[in-house]
Protein backbone atom coordinates (compact mmCIF):
# COMPACT_ATOMS: atom_id res chain seq x y z
CA MET A 1 66.43 87.88 94.57
CA PRO A 2 67.80 89.31 97.85
CA CYS A 3 65.57 91.44 100.08
CA ALA A 4 65.99 95.18 99.51
CA LEU A 5 65.73 95.88 103.26
CA THR A 6 68.41 95.41 105.88
CA ARG A 7 68.05 92.82 108.63
CA GLU A 8 67.10 95.53 111.13
CA GLN A 9 64.52 97.00 108.77
CA ARG A 10 62.99 93.58 108.13
CA LEU A 11 62.78 92.91 111.86
CA ALA A 12 61.08 96.25 112.58
CA LYS A 13 58.62 95.71 109.74
CA ARG A 14 57.89 92.16 110.88
CA ILE A 15 57.20 93.22 114.48
CA VAL A 16 54.68 95.79 113.29
CA ASP A 17 53.08 93.23 110.96
CA VAL A 18 52.67 90.56 113.64
CA VAL A 19 51.34 92.90 116.33
CA ALA A 20 49.00 94.86 114.05
CA SER A 21 47.61 91.84 112.17
CA SER A 22 47.02 89.92 115.42
CA VAL A 23 45.12 92.83 116.97
CA ALA A 24 43.20 93.49 113.75
CA LEU A 25 42.10 89.85 113.43
CA VAL A 26 40.80 89.81 117.01
CA VAL A 27 39.00 93.15 116.68
CA ALA A 28 37.56 92.34 113.25
CA SER A 29 36.51 88.75 114.09
CA PRO A 30 32.76 89.59 114.48
CA LEU A 31 32.82 91.38 111.11
CA LEU A 32 34.68 88.48 109.51
CA LEU A 33 32.00 86.05 110.71
CA VAL A 34 29.20 88.26 109.35
CA LEU A 35 30.94 88.64 105.98
CA ALA A 36 31.57 84.90 105.76
CA ALA A 37 27.86 84.21 106.39
CA LEU A 38 26.77 86.78 103.78
CA VAL A 39 29.10 85.35 101.13
CA LYS A 40 27.83 81.82 101.84
CA ILE A 41 24.15 82.83 101.75
CA ASP A 42 24.46 85.00 98.63
CA SER A 43 25.81 82.43 96.17
CA PRO A 44 26.87 78.78 96.08
CA GLY A 45 30.56 78.08 96.50
CA PRO A 46 33.32 78.46 99.10
CA VAL A 47 33.50 81.45 101.44
CA PHE A 48 37.16 82.13 100.70
CA PHE A 49 39.06 82.46 97.44
CA SER A 50 42.67 81.30 97.44
CA ASP A 51 44.84 82.61 94.63
CA ALA A 52 48.42 81.52 93.82
CA ARG A 53 50.73 84.56 93.88
CA LEU A 54 54.46 85.25 93.98
CA GLY A 55 55.98 87.02 96.96
CA LEU A 56 59.43 87.87 98.27
CA GLY A 57 62.11 86.46 95.98
CA GLY A 58 59.49 84.89 93.72
CA ARG A 59 58.32 82.44 96.39
CA ARG A 60 54.88 81.00 95.65
CA PHE A 61 52.12 81.37 98.23
CA HIS A 62 48.33 81.38 98.38
CA MET A 63 46.70 84.77 98.98
CA PHE A 64 43.32 84.70 100.73
CA LYS A 65 40.25 86.83 100.04
CA PHE A 66 36.54 86.57 100.62
CA ARG A 67 35.02 85.16 97.45
CA THR A 68 33.36 88.02 95.54
CA MET A 69 32.67 86.21 92.25
CA ARG A 70 30.51 83.28 91.33
CA ALA A 71 32.12 79.87 91.68
CA GLY A 72 34.32 79.01 88.70
CA ALA A 73 34.83 82.66 87.71
CA ASP A 74 38.57 82.12 87.28
CA GLU A 75 37.90 79.79 84.36
CA GLU A 76 35.90 82.59 82.69
CA LYS A 77 38.77 85.08 82.69
CA ALA A 78 39.55 84.63 78.99
CA SER A 79 35.92 85.25 78.03
CA VAL A 80 35.83 88.64 79.79
CA ALA A 81 39.37 89.77 78.94
CA HIS A 82 38.00 92.22 76.36
CA LEU A 83 36.37 94.16 79.23
CA ASN A 84 39.71 94.89 80.90
CA ALA A 85 39.82 98.63 81.73
CA SER A 86 43.60 98.59 81.25
CA GLU A 87 45.19 97.85 77.89
CA ASP A 88 47.80 95.78 79.75
CA SER A 89 46.66 92.30 80.83
CA ARG A 90 49.17 92.40 83.71
CA LEU A 91 46.83 94.96 85.29
CA PHE A 92 43.51 93.13 85.00
CA LYS A 93 40.65 95.38 86.17
CA ILE A 94 37.05 95.25 84.96
CA ARG A 95 34.47 97.87 85.86
CA GLY A 96 31.11 96.20 86.45
CA ASP A 97 32.59 92.71 86.14
CA PRO A 98 29.62 90.42 85.33
CA ARG A 99 31.16 87.61 87.39
CA VAL A 100 30.89 89.54 90.67
CA THR A 101 28.08 88.56 93.04
CA ARG A 102 25.68 90.97 94.77
CA VAL A 103 27.44 90.72 98.13
CA GLY A 104 30.79 90.67 96.36
CA ARG A 105 30.10 94.01 94.72
CA VAL A 106 29.38 95.63 98.08
CA ILE A 107 32.36 94.24 99.97
CA ARG A 108 34.67 95.09 97.06
CA ARG A 109 33.56 98.72 97.19
CA TRP A 110 34.71 98.86 100.82
CA SER A 111 37.77 96.58 100.27
CA LEU A 112 36.39 94.17 102.88
CA ASP A 113 37.24 91.21 100.66
CA GLU A 114 40.91 91.85 101.48
CA LEU A 115 40.54 91.29 105.24
CA PRO A 116 41.51 87.58 105.15
CA GLN A 117 44.94 88.68 103.94
CA LEU A 118 45.64 89.59 107.56
CA VAL A 119 46.23 85.84 107.95
CA ASN A 120 48.81 86.01 105.14
CA VAL A 121 50.50 88.83 107.05
CA LEU A 122 50.47 86.94 110.34
CA VAL A 123 52.13 83.84 108.84
CA GLY A 124 54.73 85.93 106.99
CA ASP A 125 53.67 85.56 103.35
CA MET A 126 52.73 89.23 103.14
CA SER A 127 53.27 92.52 104.93
CA LEU A 128 50.67 95.13 105.83
CA VAL A 129 52.36 97.52 103.38
CA GLY A 130 54.13 96.68 100.14
CA PRO A 131 53.63 96.12 96.40
CA ARG A 132 50.67 93.98 95.41
CA PRO A 133 51.79 90.37 94.77
CA PHE A 134 52.49 89.09 91.26
CA PHE A 135 50.13 86.82 89.40
CA GLU A 136 52.11 83.64 88.86
CA GLU A 137 51.05 83.28 85.22
CA ASP A 138 52.37 86.76 84.36
CA LEU A 139 55.95 86.16 85.54
CA THR A 140 57.34 85.36 82.09
CA ARG A 141 56.05 88.69 80.79
CA TYR A 142 57.90 90.84 83.31
CA GLU A 143 60.96 92.84 82.37
CA PRO A 144 64.02 93.08 84.70
CA HIS A 145 62.94 96.37 86.32
CA HIS A 146 59.52 94.87 87.13
CA LEU A 147 61.17 92.11 89.16
CA GLU A 148 62.45 94.64 91.72
CA ARG A 149 58.99 94.42 93.23
CA LEU A 150 59.92 90.92 94.38
CA SER A 151 62.67 92.32 96.63
CA VAL A 152 60.22 93.02 99.48
CA LEU A 153 57.18 91.23 100.88
CA PRO A 154 53.98 92.03 98.99
CA GLY A 155 51.48 94.11 100.90
CA VAL A 156 47.77 94.27 101.72
CA THR A 157 47.96 97.99 101.02
CA GLY A 158 50.57 100.19 99.44
CA VAL A 159 51.37 103.33 97.49
CA TRP A 160 49.22 102.22 94.54
CA GLN A 161 46.16 101.70 96.73
CA VAL A 162 46.34 105.11 98.41
CA SER A 163 47.08 106.80 95.08
CA GLY A 164 43.93 105.69 93.32
CA ARG A 165 43.98 101.88 93.07
CA SER A 166 41.96 100.78 90.03
CA ASP A 167 41.87 104.34 88.65
CA ILE A 168 45.58 103.91 87.81
CA LEU A 169 45.48 101.82 84.65
CA ASP A 170 49.10 102.17 83.50
CA PHE A 171 51.13 99.16 84.63
CA GLU A 172 54.40 101.07 84.35
CA GLU A 173 53.01 103.75 86.67
CA VAL A 174 52.16 101.06 89.24
CA VAL A 175 55.72 99.70 88.95
CA ARG A 176 57.16 103.22 89.30
CA LEU A 177 55.17 103.80 92.50
CA ASP A 178 56.28 100.46 93.94
CA ARG A 179 59.95 101.01 93.09
CA GLY A 180 59.81 104.44 94.71
CA TYR A 181 58.32 102.87 97.84
CA ILE A 182 61.08 100.25 97.99
CA ASP A 183 63.90 102.74 97.40
CA ALA A 184 62.65 105.14 100.08
CA TRP A 185 61.38 102.56 102.60
CA SER A 186 61.03 103.59 106.22
CA LEU A 187 58.85 102.45 109.10
CA ARG A 188 57.42 105.95 109.29
CA GLY A 189 56.52 105.69 105.61
CA ASP A 190 54.68 102.41 106.21
CA LEU A 191 52.70 103.94 109.07
CA ARG A 192 51.85 106.92 106.87
CA ILE A 193 50.53 104.63 104.12
CA LEU A 194 48.45 102.68 106.66
CA MET A 195 46.92 105.95 107.88
CA MET A 196 46.24 107.05 104.29
CA THR A 197 44.55 103.71 103.57
CA ILE A 198 41.66 104.51 105.92
CA PRO A 199 40.37 107.59 104.02
CA ALA A 200 41.11 105.86 100.70
CA VAL A 201 38.82 102.98 101.70
CA VAL A 202 36.11 105.25 103.17
CA GLN A 203 36.09 107.42 100.04
CA ARG A 204 36.17 104.24 97.90
CA ARG A 205 38.62 105.75 95.45
CA GLY A 206 39.22 103.39 92.52
CA ALA A 207 37.47 100.44 94.18
CA TYR A 208 35.31 98.18 91.98
């Protein structure tokens, strides 16, 4: 699937991504070290969680997060599927997920588990702003209009996140927001979403 943005738009977006993610990684490095230590001390298992996702054009990549669940939680997904707050499994969100660790619950509330995705941005797998990346196993269940989300790089934050995140439980509404973002893309719009992300995180809207 071709990129929905022009060459000039992609270049402008990429420059912002590289500069901002580089600065953010340097500034946040002490916090990253503290979080890594807390995750390691709190429960056995790796510090980071690497999840296979689909990005621009359906290209497979590994998205990084701080591990917020007990080791092996991915294999338990089927056993907790009945707790999904959304009726659509393509939008898998569980309030009070029993697999989440003590430290994991805290850093999820403040979206700190997403910070390692700045590395994904720096290497070009993701952008600071864009639709959230697809789960690879859900691809066969997407309809043609859902696939338009693959026409731009997936983002660390986006319209869905600043509009309520996990409080929005209708998958089609998430798709509508993402398609609107793609159709009306501008660098100013990306900067506006980044600015809106700060109060959304501080107020912890829809984060669990």
